Amino acid sequence: MARRRRTLASAVLTPARMLALTVGPLPTGGAALDPDEVLEALWWKHRDRLLADATPRTLPWGWWQFEGPPELRAGRPRLVDVDDAAALEAERRRADELATARAAWLANAGRAA
């Protein structure tokens, strides 16, 4: 357990990890190999820096993944075989539903502020 905490505490915000926390980790390679615990530790450590240029409409992936409402969390991006029409359509539907839910949440959050 102490080793794990040391690993999380010593994690460095590399350009690949910054990109992962901004737009989401690529499905393969780079920060995709980092466990969510590492990305979450980096999110909380560098949160202010990552949110500096964000607006409510452009919140980074790390905010949605680690701070946002649980029902609006997308998880890691997935690779879908473009030849698998059913899987591709299901992924598009999931993305559209998530975008609609997030837009509604942002509209309500804006009225409450």
Foldseek 3Di string as FASTA:
>chain_A
DVVVVVCLVPDDCDPQLLVCQAANHDCDDDCVPPDVSSSLSVCVVCVCVSCVPPDLVRHGLNCLQPPNDPVLRDPGDDDDDPVPVVRVVVVVVVVVVSVVVSVVVSVVVVVVD
